[in-house]
Amino acid sequence: MTEPTPLTDLPFEKALAELEDIVRRLERGDVPLEDSIAIYERGEALKKHCEGLLKKAEARIEKINISPDGKATGVTPLDVDS
């Protein structure tokens, strides 16, 4: 079995694809117990990694303020809670 890619090297899309593959494998139920535990732990780490990447992306999203005449007047951080 090959070593998994370090989480710090995984972009969101690849981490999510790997997580989805882990879920499929666990749902099939044909993975030996020890392997199931190992891939479950990898899945938990991938989940946390994806959540962290999403939070960083949300922090970068900005809302552009448009004046009545249609010109951009500035930017403010997106209010994620509303």
PDB file of N, CA and C in Angstrom:
ATOM      1  N   MET A   1       0.849  -1.189   0.000  1.00  0.00           N
ATOM      2  CA  MET A   1       0.000   0.000   0.000  1.00  0.00           C
ATOM      3  C   MET A   1       0.885   1.240   0.000  1.00  0.00           C
ATOM      4  N   THR A   2       0.551   2.221  -0.819  1.00  0.00           N
ATOM      5  CA  THR A   2       1.362   3.424  -0.912  1.00  0.00           C
ATOM      6  C   THR A   2       1.013   4.385   0.220  1.00  0.00           C
ATOM      7  N   GLU A   3       1.977   5.205   0.569  1.00  0.00           N
ATOM      8  CA  GLU A   3       1.766   6.233   1.601  1.00  0.00           C
ATOM      9  C   GLU A   3       0.787   7.262   1.084  1.00  0.00           C
ATOM     10  N   PRO A   4      -0.177   7.661   1.918  1.00  0.00           N
ATOM     11  CA  PRO A   4      -1.112   8.700   1.464  1.00  0.00           C
ATOM     12  C   PRO A   4      -0.416  10.044   1.313  1.00  0.00           C
ATOM     13  N   THR A   5      -0.946  10.866   0.433  1.00  0.00           N
ATOM     14  CA  THR A   5      -0.424  12.208   0.223  1.00  0.00           C
ATOM     15  C   THR A   5      -0.607  13.019   1.505  1.00  0.00           C
ATOM     16  N   PRO A   6       0.426  13.744   1.942  1.00  0.00           N
ATOM     17  CA  PRO A   6       0.260  14.597   3.127  1.00  0.00           C
ATOM     18  C   PRO A   6      -0.873  15.600   2.902  1.00  0.00           C
ATOM     19  N   LEU A   7      -1.656  15.833   3.955  1.00  0.00           N
ATOM     20  CA  LEU A   7      -2.802  16.728   3.842  1.00  0.00           C
ATOM     21  C   LEU A   7      -2.412  18.118   3.375  1.00  0.00           C
ATOM     22  N   THR A   8      -1.265  18.600   3.818  1.00  0.00           N
ATOM     23  CA  THR A   8      -0.850  19.954   3.445  1.00  0.00           C
ATOM     24  C   THR A   8      -0.630  20.084   1.939  1.00  0.00           C
ATOM     25  N   ASP A   9      -0.439  18.954   1.236  1.00  0.00           N
ATOM     26  CA  ASP A   9      -0.211  18.980  -0.208  1.00  0.00           C
ATOM     27  C   ASP A   9      -1.491  18.777  -1.011  1.00  0.00           C
ATOM     28  N   LEU A  10      -2.620  18.559  -0.331  1.00  0.00           N
ATOM     29  CA  LEU A  10      -3.869  18.265  -1.026  1.00  0.00           C
ATOM     30  C   LEU A  10      -4.744  19.498  -1.196  1.00  0.00           C
ATOM     31  N   PRO A  11      -5.062  19.851  -2.441  1.00  0.00           N
ATOM     32  CA  PRO A  11      -6.047  20.911  -2.645  1.00  0.00           C
ATOM     33  C   PRO A  11      -7.426  20.369  -2.260  1.00  0.00           C
ATOM     34  N   PHE A  12      -8.382  21.262  -2.082  1.00  0.00           N
ATOM     35  CA  PHE A  12      -9.713  20.893  -1.621  1.00  0.00           C
ATOM     36  C   PHE A  12     -10.340  19.795  -2.482  1.00  0.00           C
ATOM     37  N   GLU A  13     -10.305  19.950  -3.788  1.00  0.00           N
ATOM     38  CA  GLU A  13     -10.982  19.013  -4.685  1.00  0.00           C
ATOM     39  C   GLU A  13     -10.436  17.598  -4.543  1.00  0.00           C
ATOM     40  N   LYS A  14      -9.116  17.458  -4.447  1.00  0.00           N
ATOM     41  CA  LYS A  14      -8.517  16.127  -4.311  1.00  0.00           C
ATOM     42  C   LYS A  14      -8.799  15.541  -2.928  1.00  0.00           C
ATOM     43  N   ALA A  15      -8.767  16.384  -1.911  1.00  0.00           N
ATOM     44  CA  ALA A  15      -9.067  15.902  -0.555  1.00  0.00           C
ATOM     45  C   ALA A  15     -10.511  15.424  -0.479  1.00  0.00           C
ATOM     46  N   LEU A  16     -11.430  16.167  -1.075  1.00  0.00           N
ATOM     47  CA  LEU A  16     -12.836  15.782  -1.065  1.00  0.00           C
ATOM     48  C   LEU A  16     -13.046  14.482  -1.845  1.00  0.00           C
ATOM     49  N   ALA A  17     -12.386  14.345  -2.985  1.00  0.00           N
ATOM     50  CA  ALA A  17     -12.511  13.115  -3.778  1.00  0.00           C
ATOM     51  C   ALA A  17     -11.997  11.915  -2.994  1.00  0.00           C
ATOM     52  N   GLU A  18     -10.891  12.081  -2.293  1.00  0.00           N
ATOM     53  CA  GLU A  18     -10.355  10.989  -1.483  1.00  0.00           C
ATOM     54  C   GLU A  18     -11.309  10.653  -0.335  1.00  0.00           C
ATOM     55  N   LEU A  19     -11.867  11.670   0.281  1.00  0.00           N
ATOM     56  CA  LEU A  19     -12.828  11.451   1.362  1.00  0.00           C
ATOM     57  C   LEU A  19     -14.054  10.700   0.845  1.00  0.00           C
ATOM     58  N   GLU A  20     -14.566  11.089  -0.315  1.00  0.00           N
ATOM     59  CA  GLU A  20     -15.718  10.401  -0.901  1.00  0.00           C
ATOM     60  C   GLU A  20     -15.396   8.944  -1.202  1.00  0.00           C
ATOM     61  N   ASP A  21     -14.179   8.668  -1.669  1.00  0.00           N
ATOM     62  CA  ASP A  21     -13.756   7.294  -1.942  1.00  0.00           C
ATOM     63  C   ASP A  21     -13.719   6.480  -0.640  1.00  0.00           C
ATOM     64  N   ILE A  22     -13.222   7.086   0.422  1.00  0.00           N
ATOM     65  CA  ILE A  22     -13.180   6.401   1.718  1.00  0.00           C
ATOM     66  C   ILE A  22     -14.589   6.062   2.181  1.00  0.00           C
ATOM     67  N   VAL A  23     -15.504   6.996   2.054  1.00  0.00           N
ATOM     68  CA  VAL A  23     -16.889   6.755   2.466  1.00  0.00           C
ATOM     69  C   VAL A  23     -17.476   5.590   1.672  1.00  0.00           C
ATOM     70  N   ARG A  24     -17.245   5.571   0.349  1.00  0.00           N
ATOM     71  CA  ARG A  24     -17.755   4.475  -0.481  1.00  0.00           C
ATOM     72  C   ARG A  24     -17.194   3.129  -0.031  1.00  0.00           C
ATOM     73  N   ARG A  25     -15.893   3.099   0.241  1.00  0.00           N
ATOM     74  CA  ARG A  25     -15.259   1.849   0.667  1.00  0.00           C
ATOM     75  C   ARG A  25     -15.817   1.375   1.998  1.00  0.00           C
ATOM     76  N   LEU A  26     -16.001   2.284   2.929  1.00  0.00           N
ATOM     77  CA  LEU A  26     -16.539   1.900   4.232  1.00  0.00           C
ATOM     78  C   LEU A  26     -17.995   1.461   4.121  1.00  0.00           C
ATOM     79  N   GLU A  27     -18.767   2.113   3.266  1.00  0.00           N
ATOM     80  CA  GLU A  27     -20.174   1.740   3.089  1.00  0.00           C
ATOM     81  C   GLU A  27     -20.333   0.366   2.453  1.00  0.00           C
ATOM     82  N   ARG A  28     -19.403  -0.015   1.586  1.00  0.00           N
ATOM     83  CA  ARG A  28     -19.469  -1.345   0.975  1.00  0.00           C
ATOM     84  C   ARG A  28     -19.289  -2.431   2.027  1.00  0.00           C
ATOM     85  N   GLY A  29     -18.466  -2.145   3.032  1.00  0.00           N
ATOM     86  CA  GLY A  29     -18.273  -3.090   4.127  1.00  0.00           C
ATOM     87  C   GLY A  29     -17.365  -4.262   3.821  1.00  0.00           C
ATOM     88  N   ASP A  30     -16.608  -4.185   2.746  1.00  0.00           N
ATOM     89  CA  ASP A  30     -15.730  -5.305   2.402  1.00  0.00           C
ATOM     90  C   ASP A  30     -14.259  -5.033   2.736  1.00  0.00           C
ATOM     91  N   VAL A  31     -14.017  -4.058   3.587  1.00  0.00           N
ATOM     92  CA  VAL A  31     -12.660  -3.701   3.994  1.00  0.00           C
ATOM     93  C   VAL A  31     -12.373  -4.383   5.340  1.00  0.00           C
ATOM     94  N   PRO A  32     -11.223  -5.043   5.466  1.00  0.00           N
ATOM     95  CA  PRO A  32     -10.888  -5.675   6.750  1.00  0.00           C
ATOM     96  C   PRO A  32     -10.898  -4.648   7.887  1.00  0.00           C
ATOM     97  N   LEU A  33     -11.165  -5.118   9.099  1.00  0.00           N
ATOM     98  CA  LEU A  33     -11.326  -4.242  10.257  1.00  0.00           C
ATOM     99  C   LEU A  33     -10.146  -3.291  10.447  1.00  0.00           C
ATOM    100  N   GLU A  34      -8.935  -3.806  10.443  1.00  0.00           N
ATOM    101  CA  GLU A  34      -7.762  -2.943  10.666  1.00  0.00           C
ATOM    102  C   GLU A  34      -7.661  -1.871   9.582  1.00  0.00           C
ATOM    103  N   ASP A  35      -7.923  -2.250   8.346  1.00  0.00           N
ATOM    104  CA  ASP A  35      -7.892  -1.274   7.247  1.00  0.00           C
ATOM    105  C   ASP A  35      -9.019  -0.255   7.402  1.00  0.00           C
ATOM    106  N   SER A  36     -10.181  -0.732   7.847  1.00  0.00           N
ATOM    107  CA  SER A  36     -11.318   0.171   8.067  1.00  0.00           C
ATOM    108  C   SER A  36     -10.968   1.247   9.082  1.00  0.00           C
ATOM    109  N   ILE A  37     -10.313   0.846  10.147  1.00  0.00           N
ATOM    110  CA  ILE A  37      -9.920   1.806  11.183  1.00  0.00           C
ATOM    111  C   ILE A  37      -8.936   2.820  10.608  1.00  0.00           C
ATOM    112  N   ALA A  38      -7.964   2.347   9.859  1.00  0.00           N
ATOM    113  CA  ALA A  38      -6.953   3.242   9.282  1.00  0.00           C
ATOM    114  C   ALA A  38      -7.577   4.224   8.293  1.00  0.00           C
ATOM    115  N   ILE A  39      -8.457   3.732   7.422  1.00  0.00           N
ATOM    116  CA  ILE A  39      -9.033   4.657   6.447  1.00  0.00           C
ATOM    117  C   ILE A  39     -10.066   5.572   7.097  1.00  0.00           C
ATOM    118  N   TYR A  40     -10.705   5.114   8.152  1.00  0.00           N
ATOM    119  CA  TYR A  40     -11.624   5.998   8.888  1.00  0.00           C
ATOM    120  C   TYR A  40     -10.836   7.163   9.491  1.00  0.00           C
ATOM    121  N   GLU A  41      -9.677   6.862  10.086  1.00  0.00           N
ATOM    122  CA  GLU A  41      -8.838   7.925  10.664  1.00  0.00           C
ATOM    123  C   GLU A  41      -8.380   8.889   9.580  1.00  0.00           C
ATOM    124  N   ARG A  42      -8.021   8.375   8.411  1.00  0.00           N
ATOM    125  CA  ARG A  42      -7.628   9.235   7.293  1.00  0.00           C
ATOM    126  C   ARG A  42      -8.824  10.102   6.867  1.00  0.00           C
ATOM    127  N   GLY A  43     -10.007   9.491   6.852  1.00  0.00           N
ATOM    128  CA  GLY A  43     -11.212  10.233   6.500  1.00  0.00           C
ATOM    129  C   GLY A  43     -11.482  11.376   7.453  1.00  0.00           C
ATOM    130  N   GLU A  44     -11.310  11.141   8.744  1.00  0.00           N
ATOM    131  CA  GLU A  44     -11.498  12.210   9.738  1.00  0.00           C
ATOM    132  C   GLU A  44     -10.511  13.348   9.494  1.00  0.00           C
ATOM    133  N   ALA A  45      -9.254  13.002   9.219  1.00  0.00           N
ATOM    134  CA  ALA A  45      -8.241  14.026   8.943  1.00  0.00           C
ATOM    135  C   ALA A  45      -8.590  14.801   7.669  1.00  0.00           C
ATOM    136  N   LEU A  46      -9.065  14.098   6.647  1.00  0.00           N
ATOM    137  CA  LEU A  46      -9.465  14.760   5.399  1.00  0.00           C
ATOM    138  C   LEU A  46     -10.640  15.694   5.631  1.00  0.00           C
ATOM    139  N   LYS A  47     -11.599  15.262   6.432  1.00  0.00           N
ATOM    140  CA  LYS A  47     -12.766  16.087   6.747  1.00  0.00           C
ATOM    141  C   LYS A  47     -12.320  17.394   7.402  1.00  0.00           C
ATOM    142  N   LYS A  48     -11.436  17.298   8.383  1.00  0.00           N
ATOM    143  CA  LYS A  48     -10.945  18.500   9.068  1.00  0.00           C
ATOM    144  C   LYS A  48     -10.166  19.393   8.103  1.00  0.00           C
ATOM    145  N   HIS A  49      -9.384  18.769   7.233  1.00  0.00           N
ATOM    146  CA  HIS A  49      -8.608  19.532   6.245  1.00  0.00           C
ATOM    147  C   HIS A  49      -9.546  20.299   5.308  1.00  0.00           C
ATOM    148  N   CYS A  50     -10.581  19.618   4.810  1.00  0.00           N
ATOM    149  CA  CYS A  50     -11.547  20.267   3.909  1.00  0.00           C
ATOM    150  C   CYS A  50     -12.274  21.404   4.620  1.00  0.00           C
ATOM    151  N   GLU A  51     -12.674  21.184   5.863  1.00  0.00           N
ATOM    152  CA  GLU A  51     -13.347  22.240   6.624  1.00  0.00           C
ATOM    153  C   GLU A  51     -12.441  23.455   6.782  1.00  0.00           C
ATOM    154  N   GLY A  52     -11.165  23.223   7.075  1.00  0.00           N
ATOM    155  CA  GLY A  52     -10.216  24.328   7.216  1.00  0.00           C
ATOM    156  C   GLY A  52     -10.042  25.098   5.918  1.00  0.00           C
ATOM    157  N   LEU A  53      -9.951  24.361   4.802  1.00  0.00           N
ATOM    158  CA  LEU A  53      -9.813  25.027   3.506  1.00  0.00           C
ATOM    159  C   LEU A  53     -11.058  25.833   3.165  1.00  0.00           C
ATOM    160  N   LEU A  54     -12.230  25.323   3.499  1.00  0.00           N
ATOM    161  CA  LEU A  54     -13.469  26.061   3.254  1.00  0.00           C
ATOM    162  C   LEU A  54     -13.532  27.338   4.083  1.00  0.00           C
ATOM    163  N   LYS A  55     -13.110  27.252   5.333  1.00  0.00           N
ATOM    164  CA  LYS A  55     -13.114  28.447   6.197  1.00  0.00           C
ATOM    165  C   LYS A  55     -12.173  29.510   5.645  1.00  0.00           C
ATOM    166  N   LYS A  56     -11.016  29.086   5.151  1.00  0.00           N
ATOM    167  CA  LYS A  56     -10.079  30.042   4.552  1.00  0.00           C
ATOM    168  C   LYS A  56     -10.686  30.688   3.315  1.00  0.00           C
ATOM    169  N   ALA A  57     -11.369  29.892   2.504  1.00  0.00           N
ATOM    170  CA  ALA A  57     -11.993  30.436   1.293  1.00  0.00           C
ATOM    171  C   ALA A  57     -13.098  31.417   1.655  1.00  0.00           C
ATOM    172  N   GLU A  58     -13.907  31.084   2.659  1.00  0.00           N
ATOM    173  CA  GLU A  58     -14.978  31.990   3.081  1.00  0.00           C
ATOM    174  C   GLU A  58     -14.409  33.317   3.573  1.00  0.00           C
ATOM    175  N   ALA A  59     -13.287  33.257   4.260  1.00  0.00           N
ATOM    176  CA  ALA A  59     -12.672  34.479   4.779  1.00  0.00           C
ATOM    177  C   ALA A  59     -12.189  35.386   3.652  1.00  0.00           C
ATOM    178  N   ARG A  60     -11.914  34.803   2.487  1.00  0.00           N
ATOM    179  CA  ARG A  60     -11.415  35.595   1.361  1.00  0.00           C
ATOM    180  C   ARG A  60     -12.529  36.182   0.501  1.00  0.00           C
ATOM    181  N   ILE A  61     -13.720  35.639   0.638  1.00  0.00           N
ATOM    182  CA  ILE A  61     -14.831  36.147  -0.173  1.00  0.00           C
ATOM    183  C   ILE A  61     -15.203  37.542   0.313  1.00  0.00           C
ATOM    184  N   GLU A  62     -15.368  38.428  -0.612  1.00  0.00           N
ATOM    185  CA  GLU A  62     -15.742  39.792  -0.255  1.00  0.00           C
ATOM    186  C   GLU A  62     -16.986  40.214  -1.006  1.00  0.00           C
ATOM    187  N   LYS A  63     -17.722  41.076  -0.379  1.00  0.00           N
ATOM    188  CA  LYS A  63     -18.927  41.627  -1.001  1.00  0.00           C
ATOM    189  C   LYS A  63     -18.569  43.014  -1.530  1.00  0.00           C
ATOM    190  N   ILE A  64     -18.849  43.241  -2.778  1.00  0.00           N
ATOM    191  CA  ILE A  64     -18.560  44.543  -3.388  1.00  0.00           C
ATOM    192  C   ILE A  64     -19.773  45.446  -3.187  1.00  0.00           C
ATOM    193  N   ASN A  65     -19.532  46.646  -2.661  1.00  0.00           N
ATOM    194  CA  ASN A  65     -20.594  47.628  -2.471  1.00  0.00           C
ATOM    195  C   ASN A  65     -20.747  48.444  -3.751  1.00  0.00           C
ATOM    196  N   ILE A  66     -21.979  48.513  -4.234  1.00  0.00           N
ATOM    197  CA  ILE A  66     -22.274  49.257  -5.455  1.00  0.00           C
ATOM    198  C   ILE A  66     -23.110  50.484  -5.088  1.00  0.00           C
ATOM    199  N   SER A  67     -22.682  51.626  -5.578  1.00  0.00           N
ATOM    200  CA  SER A  67     -23.427  52.862  -5.341  1.00  0.00           C
ATOM    201  C   SER A  67     -24.657  52.885  -6.250  1.00  0.00           C
ATOM    202  N   PRO A  68     -25.615  53.799  -5.969  1.00  0.00           N
ATOM    203  CA  PRO A  68     -26.819  53.888  -6.807  1.00  0.00           C
ATOM    204  C   PRO A  68     -26.516  54.118  -8.295  1.00  0.00           C
ATOM    205  N   ASP A  69     -25.370  54.739  -8.591  1.00  0.00           N
ATOM    206  CA  ASP A  69     -25.050  54.978 -10.003  1.00  0.00           C
ATOM    207  C   ASP A  69     -24.302  53.792 -10.644  1.00  0.00           C
ATOM    208  N   GLY A  70     -24.177  52.674  -9.900  1.00  0.00           N
ATOM    209  CA  GLY A  70     -23.591  51.460 -10.455  1.00  0.00           C
ATOM    210  C   GLY A  70     -22.092  51.330 -10.327  1.00  0.00           C
ATOM    211  N   LYS A  71     -21.444  52.237  -9.593  1.00  0.00           N
ATOM    212  CA  LYS A  71     -19.997  52.167  -9.434  1.00  0.00           C
ATOM    213  C   LYS A  71     -19.652  51.453  -8.129  1.00  0.00           C
ATOM    214  N   ALA A  72     -18.558  50.705  -8.181  1.00  0.00           N
ATOM    215  CA  ALA A  72     -18.078  50.031  -6.978  1.00  0.00           C
ATOM    216  C   ALA A  72     -17.549  51.081  -6.010  1.00  0.00           C
ATOM    217  N   THR A  73     -18.007  51.031  -4.770  1.00  0.00           N
ATOM    218  CA  THR A  73     -17.580  52.014  -3.774  1.00  0.00           C
ATOM    219  C   THR A  73     -16.642  51.420  -2.735  1.00  0.00           C
ATOM    220  N   GLY A  74     -16.404  50.173  -2.783  1.00  0.00           N
ATOM    221  CA  GLY A  74     -15.515  49.539  -1.818  1.00  0.00           C
ATOM    222  C   GLY A  74     -15.934  48.104  -1.570  1.00  0.00           C
ATOM    223  N   VAL A  75     -15.197  47.472  -0.732  1.00  0.00           N
ATOM    224  CA  VAL A  75     -15.505  46.077  -0.409  1.00  0.00           C
ATOM    225  C   VAL A  75     -15.599  45.911   1.099  1.00  0.00           C
ATOM    226  N   THR A  76     -16.445  44.999   1.495  1.00  0.00           N
ATOM    227  CA  THR A  76     -16.532  44.654   2.916  1.00  0.00           C
ATOM    228  C   THR A  76     -16.523  43.128   2.999  1.00  0.00           C
ATOM    229  N   PRO A  77     -16.015  42.592   4.087  1.00  0.00           N
ATOM    230  CA  PRO A  77     -16.008  41.128   4.225  1.00  0.00           C
ATOM    231  C   PRO A  77     -17.430  40.586   4.166  1.00  0.00           C
ATOM    232  N   LEU A  78     -17.572  39.412   3.548  1.00  0.00           N
ATOM    233  CA  LEU A  78     -18.866  38.756   3.468  1.00  0.00           C
ATOM    234  C   LEU A  78     -19.316  38.343   4.862  1.00  0.00           C
ATOM    235  N   ASP A  79     -20.554  38.654   5.205  1.00  0.00           N
ATOM    236  CA  ASP A  79     -21.111  38.233   6.488  1.00  0.00           C
ATOM    237  C   ASP A  79     -21.645  36.816   6.303  1.00  0.00           C
ATOM    238  N   VAL A  80     -20.868  35.846   6.729  1.00  0.00           N
ATOM    239  CA  VAL A  80     -21.207  34.451   6.520  1.00  0.00           C
ATOM    240  C   VAL A  80     -22.427  34.036   7.326  1.00  0.00           C
ATOM    241  N   ASP A  81     -22.704  34.704   8.437  1.00  0.00           N
ATOM    242  CA  ASP A  81     -23.811  34.320   9.314  1.00  0.00           C
ATOM    243  C   ASP A  81     -25.174  34.744   8.798  1.00  0.00           C
ATOM    244  N   SER A  82     -25.239  35.667   7.878  1.00  0.00           N
ATOM    245  CA  SER A  82     -26.550  36.133   7.422  1.00  0.00           C
ATOM    246  C   SER A  82     -26.993  35.450   6.165  1.00  0.00           C
TER     247      SER A  82
END
